[in-house]
Amino acid sequence: MWRPDSYLEEAVNEGDMLSIKVALTTYMQKDPAARDDIRRALQYIRDNVEGFKMDEHDGRSFRAKEDWDKDYIAKLIGQFMDNFSQERFEHLLDVGETLYSKPKAISKGSVSNSKRHNTRNNNRVTISKKEEGGIKKLINLLLIGVGIIGGGVLLLKLARPLINLIRNNPLLIVLGMGIIMLVIYLIQNRRR
């Protein structure tokens, strides 16, 4: 049974649309081909966020299928943060599934001899070192993307209370400026 990841649950509980968008795009980046999980995540948002609605599509056109690549899906995810439309969501699912879906199971004897970099071994296809390196790079890039988004969410969570604290206590601004000036003074005098 599908359960939302903790970051999605937390974002939905807070009801903060920015955190919700970040959580949903994290699902997309984690496994762009996981169409069903991404749809379930959106349905979870719809079911649990009062008054939730998606944006009207901004009218930007999408590339033709033959022009889809990893840069394009990254661009689409960024656009999705700005224009949280159903059309862009559906297009992202199509692009993710096309670019990242796992190959279908290969039946016995269906591996072509013309593909020299693949070898058949007990009905299993093994990939070359070059392909394996590409997959590892892709996984690392996805992990970096998820880490950046997670760090952004964490920064937002930490920054809000700090901003509210400073807004409610103007003396903290004066104290902070004094500390900065003291550090600058000490650095300048140390050089002499």
C-alpha atoms as a PDB file:
ATOM      1  CA  MET A   1       0.000   0.000   0.000  1.00  0.00           C
ATOM      2  CA  TRP A   2       1.293   3.429  -0.947  1.00  0.00           C
ATOM      3  CA  ARG A   3       2.208   5.845   1.847  1.00  0.00           C
ATOM      4  CA  PRO A   4       3.484   9.391   1.367  1.00  0.00           C
ATOM      5  CA  ASP A   5       7.083  10.147   2.245  1.00  0.00           C
ATOM      6  CA  SER A   6       7.548  12.101   5.470  1.00  0.00           C
ATOM      7  CA  TYR A   7       8.501  15.330   3.670  1.00  0.00           C
ATOM      8  CA  LEU A   8       5.232  15.246   1.685  1.00  0.00           C
ATOM      9  CA  GLU A   9       3.194  14.484   4.787  1.00  0.00           C
ATOM     10  CA  GLU A  10       4.849  17.355   6.657  1.00  0.00           C
ATOM     11  CA  ALA A  11       4.347  19.819   3.785  1.00  0.00           C
ATOM     12  CA  VAL A  12       0.662  18.863   3.486  1.00  0.00           C
ATOM     13  CA  ASN A  13       0.155  19.175   7.255  1.00  0.00           C
ATOM     14  CA  GLU A  14       1.641  22.677   7.156  1.00  0.00           C
ATOM     15  CA  GLY A  15      -0.470  23.591   4.118  1.00  0.00           C
ATOM     16  CA  ASP A  16       2.379  25.692   2.704  1.00  0.00           C
ATOM     17  CA  MET A  17       2.114  25.601  -1.104  1.00  0.00           C
ATOM     18  CA  LEU A  18       5.834  26.164  -1.686  1.00  0.00           C
ATOM     19  CA  SER A  19       6.724  23.177   0.510  1.00  0.00           C
ATOM     20  CA  ILE A  20       4.005  21.109  -1.179  1.00  0.00           C
ATOM     21  CA  LYS A  21       5.378  21.950  -4.642  1.00  0.00           C
ATOM     22  CA  VAL A  22       8.913  21.109  -3.520  1.00  0.00           C
ATOM     23  CA  ALA A  23       7.711  17.789  -2.066  1.00  0.00           C
ATOM     24  CA  LEU A  24       5.873  16.829  -5.250  1.00  0.00           C
ATOM     25  CA  THR A  25       8.812  17.752  -7.490  1.00  0.00           C
ATOM     26  CA  THR A  26      11.039  15.691  -5.172  1.00  0.00           C
ATOM     27  CA  TYR A  27       8.882  12.674  -6.044  1.00  0.00           C
ATOM     28  CA  MET A  28       9.392  13.513  -9.711  1.00  0.00           C
ATOM     29  CA  GLN A  29      13.154  13.823  -9.353  1.00  0.00           C
ATOM     30  CA  LYS A  30      13.540  10.742  -7.174  1.00  0.00           C
ATOM     31  CA  ASP A  31      12.042   8.455  -9.830  1.00  0.00           C
ATOM     32  CA  PRO A  32      10.697  10.289 -12.881  1.00  0.00           C
ATOM     33  CA  ALA A  33       9.293   7.035 -14.323  1.00  0.00           C
ATOM     34  CA  ALA A  34       7.232   6.230 -11.185  1.00  0.00           C
ATOM     35  CA  ARG A  35       4.045   7.586 -12.756  1.00  0.00           C
ATOM     36  CA  ASP A  36       1.685   5.835 -10.306  1.00  0.00           C
ATOM     37  CA  ASP A  37       3.546   7.024  -7.196  1.00  0.00           C
ATOM     38  CA  ILE A  38       3.674  10.593  -8.491  1.00  0.00           C
ATOM     39  CA  ARG A  39      -0.065  10.499  -9.254  1.00  0.00           C
ATOM     40  CA  ARG A  40      -0.755   9.111  -5.768  1.00  0.00           C
ATOM     41  CA  ALA A  41       1.302  11.934  -4.261  1.00  0.00           C
ATOM     42  CA  LEU A  42      -0.764  14.532  -6.125  1.00  0.00           C
ATOM     43  CA  GLN A  43      -3.994  12.790  -5.101  1.00  0.00           C
ATOM     44  CA  TYR A  44      -2.786  12.772  -1.485  1.00  0.00           C
ATOM     45  CA  ILE A  45      -2.293  16.547  -1.751  1.00  0.00           C
ATOM     46  CA  ARG A  46      -5.762  17.009  -3.276  1.00  0.00           C
ATOM     47  CA  ASP A  47      -7.374  14.874  -0.565  1.00  0.00           C
ATOM     48  CA  ASN A  48      -5.615  16.550   2.366  1.00  0.00           C
ATOM     49  CA  VAL A  49      -5.146  20.231   1.500  1.00  0.00           C
ATOM     50  CA  GLU A  50      -8.335  22.210   1.924  1.00  0.00           C
ATOM     51  CA  GLY A  51      -9.081  24.402  -1.085  1.00  0.00           C
ATOM     52  CA  PHE A  52      -6.215  22.946  -3.134  1.00  0.00           C
ATOM     53  CA  LYS A  53      -6.315  23.776  -6.815  1.00  0.00           C
ATOM     54  CA  MET A  54      -3.782  23.708  -9.575  1.00  0.00           C
ATOM     55  CA  ASP A  55      -2.790  26.731 -11.656  1.00  0.00           C
ATOM     56  CA  GLU A  56      -4.183  27.554 -15.074  1.00  0.00           C
ATOM     57  CA  HIS A  57      -1.662  26.491 -17.716  1.00  0.00           C
ATOM     58  CA  ASP A  58       0.494  29.470 -18.690  1.00  0.00           C
ATOM     59  CA  GLY A  59       0.301  28.601 -22.384  1.00  0.00           C
ATOM     60  CA  ARG A  60       3.960  27.675 -22.844  1.00  0.00           C
ATOM     61  CA  SER A  61       4.230  24.947 -25.456  1.00  0.00           C
ATOM     62  CA  PHE A  62       5.974  21.631 -24.889  1.00  0.00           C
ATOM     63  CA  ARG A  63       8.739  20.082 -26.991  1.00  0.00           C
ATOM     64  CA  ALA A  64       8.087  17.247 -29.394  1.00  0.00           C
ATOM     65  CA  LYS A  65       8.894  13.769 -28.088  1.00  0.00           C
ATOM     66  CA  GLU A  66      12.057  13.451 -30.209  1.00  0.00           C
ATOM     67  CA  ASP A  67      13.473  16.542 -28.428  1.00  0.00           C
ATOM     68  CA  TRP A  68      13.013  15.190 -24.893  1.00  0.00           C
ATOM     69  CA  ASP A  69      16.203  14.796 -22.866  1.00  0.00           C
ATOM     70  CA  LYS A  70      17.422  15.113 -19.274  1.00  0.00           C
ATOM     71  CA  ASP A  71      17.947  18.875 -19.578  1.00  0.00           C
ATOM     72  CA  TYR A  72      14.380  19.261 -20.793  1.00  0.00           C
ATOM     73  CA  ILE A  73      12.856  17.393 -17.854  1.00  0.00           C
ATOM     74  CA  ALA A  74      14.937  19.500 -15.438  1.00  0.00           C
ATOM     75  CA  LYS A  75      13.633  22.644 -17.162  1.00  0.00           C
ATOM     76  CA  LEU A  76      10.050  21.331 -16.967  1.00  0.00           C
ATOM     77  CA  ILE A  77      10.353  20.669 -13.231  1.00  0.00           C
ATOM     78  CA  GLY A  78      11.554  24.246 -12.723  1.00  0.00           C
ATOM     79  CA  GLN A  79       8.639  25.545 -14.793  1.00  0.00           C
ATOM     80  CA  PHE A  80       6.270  23.340 -12.781  1.00  0.00           C
ATOM     81  CA  MET A  81       7.311  25.205  -9.617  1.00  0.00           C
ATOM     82  CA  ASP A  82       6.218  28.476 -11.289  1.00  0.00           C
ATOM     83  CA  ASN A  83       3.163  27.125 -13.110  1.00  0.00           C
ATOM     84  CA  PHE A  84       1.662  24.250 -11.124  1.00  0.00           C
ATOM     85  CA  SER A  85      -0.735  23.255 -13.912  1.00  0.00           C
ATOM     86  CA  GLN A  86      -2.378  19.911 -14.643  1.00  0.00           C
ATOM     87  CA  GLU A  87      -1.155  20.102 -18.257  1.00  0.00           C
ATOM     88  CA  ARG A  88       2.475  20.497 -17.216  1.00  0.00           C
ATOM     89  CA  PHE A  89       2.042  17.758 -14.591  1.00  0.00           C
ATOM     90  CA  GLU A  90       0.734  15.291 -17.215  1.00  0.00           C
ATOM     91  CA  HIS A  91       3.509  16.271 -19.640  1.00  0.00           C
ATOM     92  CA  LEU A  92       6.123  15.753 -16.928  1.00  0.00           C
ATOM     93  CA  LEU A  93       4.754  12.264 -16.284  1.00  0.00           C
ATOM     94  CA  ASP A  94       4.997  11.433 -20.003  1.00  0.00           C
ATOM     95  CA  VAL A  95       8.547  12.791 -20.314  1.00  0.00           C
ATOM     96  CA  GLY A  96       9.711  11.084 -17.110  1.00  0.00           C
ATOM     97  CA  GLU A  97       8.271   7.742 -18.109  1.00  0.00           C
ATOM     98  CA  THR A  98       9.767   7.983 -21.603  1.00  0.00           C
ATOM     99  CA  LEU A  99      13.251   8.989 -20.459  1.00  0.00           C
ATOM    100  CA  TYR A 100      13.619   6.917 -17.300  1.00  0.00           C
ATOM    101  CA  SER A 101      11.396   3.836 -17.555  1.00  0.00           C
ATOM    102  CA  LYS A 102      13.149   0.525 -17.119  1.00  0.00           C
ATOM    103  CA  PRO A 103      13.353  -1.674 -20.214  1.00  0.00           C
ATOM    104  CA  LYS A 104      10.719  -4.375 -20.548  1.00  0.00           C
ATOM    105  CA  ALA A 105      11.671  -7.961 -19.686  1.00  0.00           C
ATOM    106  CA  ILE A 106      13.478  -9.673 -22.532  1.00  0.00           C
ATOM    107  CA  SER A 107      12.227 -13.087 -23.540  1.00  0.00           C
ATOM    108  CA  LYS A 108      14.583 -15.980 -24.230  1.00  0.00           C
ATOM    109  CA  GLY A 109      16.481 -15.557 -27.449  1.00  0.00           C
ATOM    110  CA  SER A 110      15.384 -11.975 -28.112  1.00  0.00           C
ATOM    111  CA  VAL A 111      18.755 -10.341 -27.508  1.00  0.00           C
ATOM    112  CA  SER A 112      20.225  -9.261 -30.817  1.00  0.00           C
ATOM    113  CA  ASN A 113      23.732 -10.312 -31.770  1.00  0.00           C
ATOM    114  CA  SER A 114      24.219  -6.861 -33.318  1.00  0.00           C
ATOM    115  CA  LYS A 115      24.383  -5.273 -29.876  1.00  0.00           C
ATOM    116  CA  ARG A 116      27.963  -6.186 -29.059  1.00  0.00           C
ATOM    117  CA  HIS A 117      28.043  -4.202 -25.772  1.00  0.00           C
ATOM    118  CA  ASN A 118      25.247  -6.339 -24.286  1.00  0.00           C
ATOM    119  CA  THR A 119      25.705 -10.005 -23.505  1.00  0.00           C
ATOM    120  CA  ARG A 120      23.059 -12.645 -22.952  1.00  0.00           C
ATOM    121  CA  ASN A 121      23.560 -14.711 -19.861  1.00  0.00           C
ATOM    122  CA  ASN A 122      20.765 -16.988 -18.628  1.00  0.00           C
ATOM    123  CA  ASN A 123      18.103 -14.699 -20.151  1.00  0.00           C
ATOM    124  CA  ARG A 124      19.553 -11.661 -18.376  1.00  0.00           C
ATOM    125  CA  VAL A 125      21.033  -8.661 -20.116  1.00  0.00           C
ATOM    126  CA  THR A 126      24.153  -7.164 -18.601  1.00  0.00           C
ATOM    127  CA  ILE A 127      25.218  -3.615 -19.317  1.00  0.00           C
ATOM    128  CA  SER A 128      28.642  -2.392 -20.275  1.00  0.00           C
ATOM    129  CA  LYS A 129      30.917  -0.437 -17.935  1.00  0.00           C
ATOM    130  CA  LYS A 130      30.207   2.729 -19.958  1.00  0.00           C
ATOM    131  CA  GLU A 131      26.445   2.334 -19.487  1.00  0.00           C
ATOM    132  CA  GLU A 132      26.927   1.541 -15.804  1.00  0.00           C
ATOM    133  CA  GLY A 133      28.989   4.713 -15.360  1.00  0.00           C
ATOM    134  CA  GLY A 134      26.228   6.748 -17.026  1.00  0.00           C
ATOM    135  CA  ILE A 135      23.612   5.255 -14.713  1.00  0.00           C
ATOM    136  CA  LYS A 136      25.745   6.014 -11.658  1.00  0.00           C
ATOM    137  CA  LYS A 137      26.195   9.620 -12.819  1.00  0.00           C
ATOM    138  CA  LEU A 138      22.441   9.957 -13.308  1.00  0.00           C
ATOM    139  CA  ILE A 139      21.740   8.570  -9.838  1.00  0.00           C
ATOM    140  CA  ASN A 140      24.285  10.971  -8.330  1.00  0.00           C
ATOM    141  CA  LEU A 141      22.696  13.921 -10.148  1.00  0.00           C
ATOM    142  CA  LEU A 142      19.250  12.915  -8.932  1.00  0.00           C
ATOM    143  CA  LEU A 143      20.531  12.563  -5.362  1.00  0.00           C
ATOM    144  CA  ILE A 144      22.168  15.990  -5.572  1.00  0.00           C
ATOM    145  CA  GLY A 145      18.884  17.465  -6.848  1.00  0.00           C
ATOM    146  CA  VAL A 146      16.915  15.857  -4.038  1.00  0.00           C
ATOM    147  CA  GLY A 147      19.524  17.080  -1.542  1.00  0.00           C
ATOM    148  CA  ILE A 148      19.314  20.634  -2.863  1.00  0.00           C
ATOM    149  CA  ILE A 149      15.527  20.631  -2.670  1.00  0.00           C
ATOM    150  CA  GLY A 150      15.600  19.085   0.798  1.00  0.00           C
ATOM    151  CA  GLY A 151      18.159  21.665   1.897  1.00  0.00           C
ATOM    152  CA  GLY A 152      15.934  24.417   0.507  1.00  0.00           C
ATOM    153  CA  VAL A 153      12.957  23.140   2.471  1.00  0.00           C
ATOM    154  CA  LEU A 154      15.077  22.902   5.619  1.00  0.00           C
ATOM    155  CA  LEU A 155      16.415  26.423   5.052  1.00  0.00           C
ATOM    156  CA  LEU A 156      12.851  27.714   4.661  1.00  0.00           C
ATOM    157  CA  LYS A 157      11.866  25.992   7.900  1.00  0.00           C
ATOM    158  CA  LEU A 158      14.819  27.498   9.751  1.00  0.00           C
ATOM    159  CA  ALA A 159      14.618  30.938   8.149  1.00  0.00           C
ATOM    160  CA  ARG A 160      10.952  31.619   8.961  1.00  0.00           C
ATOM    161  CA  PRO A 161      11.311  31.441  12.749  1.00  0.00           C
ATOM    162  CA  LEU A 162      14.523  33.499  12.574  1.00  0.00           C
ATOM    163  CA  ILE A 163      12.856  36.161  10.420  1.00  0.00           C
ATOM    164  CA  ASN A 164       9.863  36.279  12.780  1.00  0.00           C
ATOM    165  CA  LEU A 165      12.197  36.547  15.777  1.00  0.00           C
ATOM    166  CA  ILE A 166      14.084  39.454  14.192  1.00  0.00           C
ATOM    167  CA  ARG A 167      10.854  41.133  13.070  1.00  0.00           C
ATOM    168  CA  ASN A 168       9.493  40.985  16.635  1.00  0.00           C
ATOM    169  CA  ASN A 169      12.798  42.055  18.266  1.00  0.00           C
ATOM    170  CA  PRO A 170      14.451  45.011  16.463  1.00  0.00           C
ATOM    171  CA  LEU A 171      17.218  45.031  19.080  1.00  0.00           C
ATOM    172  CA  LEU A 172      18.484  41.772  17.574  1.00  0.00           C
ATOM    173  CA  ILE A 173      19.207  43.658  14.339  1.00  0.00           C
ATOM    174  CA  VAL A 174      21.240  46.237  16.246  1.00  0.00           C
ATOM    175  CA  LEU A 175      23.056  43.480  18.154  1.00  0.00           C
ATOM    176  CA  GLY A 176      23.783  41.618  14.917  1.00  0.00           C
ATOM    177  CA  MET A 177      25.139  44.743  13.237  1.00  0.00           C
ATOM    178  CA  GLY A 178      27.308  45.420  16.289  1.00  0.00           C
ATOM    179  CA  ILE A 179      28.766  41.903  16.140  1.00  0.00           C
ATOM    180  CA  ILE A 180      29.466  42.270  12.412  1.00  0.00           C
ATOM    181  CA  MET A 181      31.178  45.634  12.981  1.00  0.00           C
ATOM    182  CA  LEU A 182      33.253  44.160  15.830  1.00  0.00           C
ATOM    183  CA  VAL A 183      34.391  41.268  13.640  1.00  0.00           C
ATOM    184  CA  ILE A 184      35.351  43.663  10.821  1.00  0.00           C
ATOM    185  CA  TYR A 185      37.250  45.858  13.300  1.00  0.00           C
ATOM    186  CA  LEU A 186      39.111  42.857  14.736  1.00  0.00           C
ATOM    187  CA  ILE A 187      40.033  41.569  11.281  1.00  0.00           C
ATOM    188  CA  GLN A 188      41.359  44.980  10.202  1.00  0.00           C
ATOM    189  CA  ASN A 189      43.396  45.468  13.391  1.00  0.00           C
ATOM    190  CA  ARG A 190      44.825  41.977  13.155  1.00  0.00           C
ATOM    191  CA  ARG A 191      46.406  42.820   9.787  1.00  0.00           C
ATOM    192  CA  ARG A 192      48.328  45.780  11.236  1.00  0.00           C
END
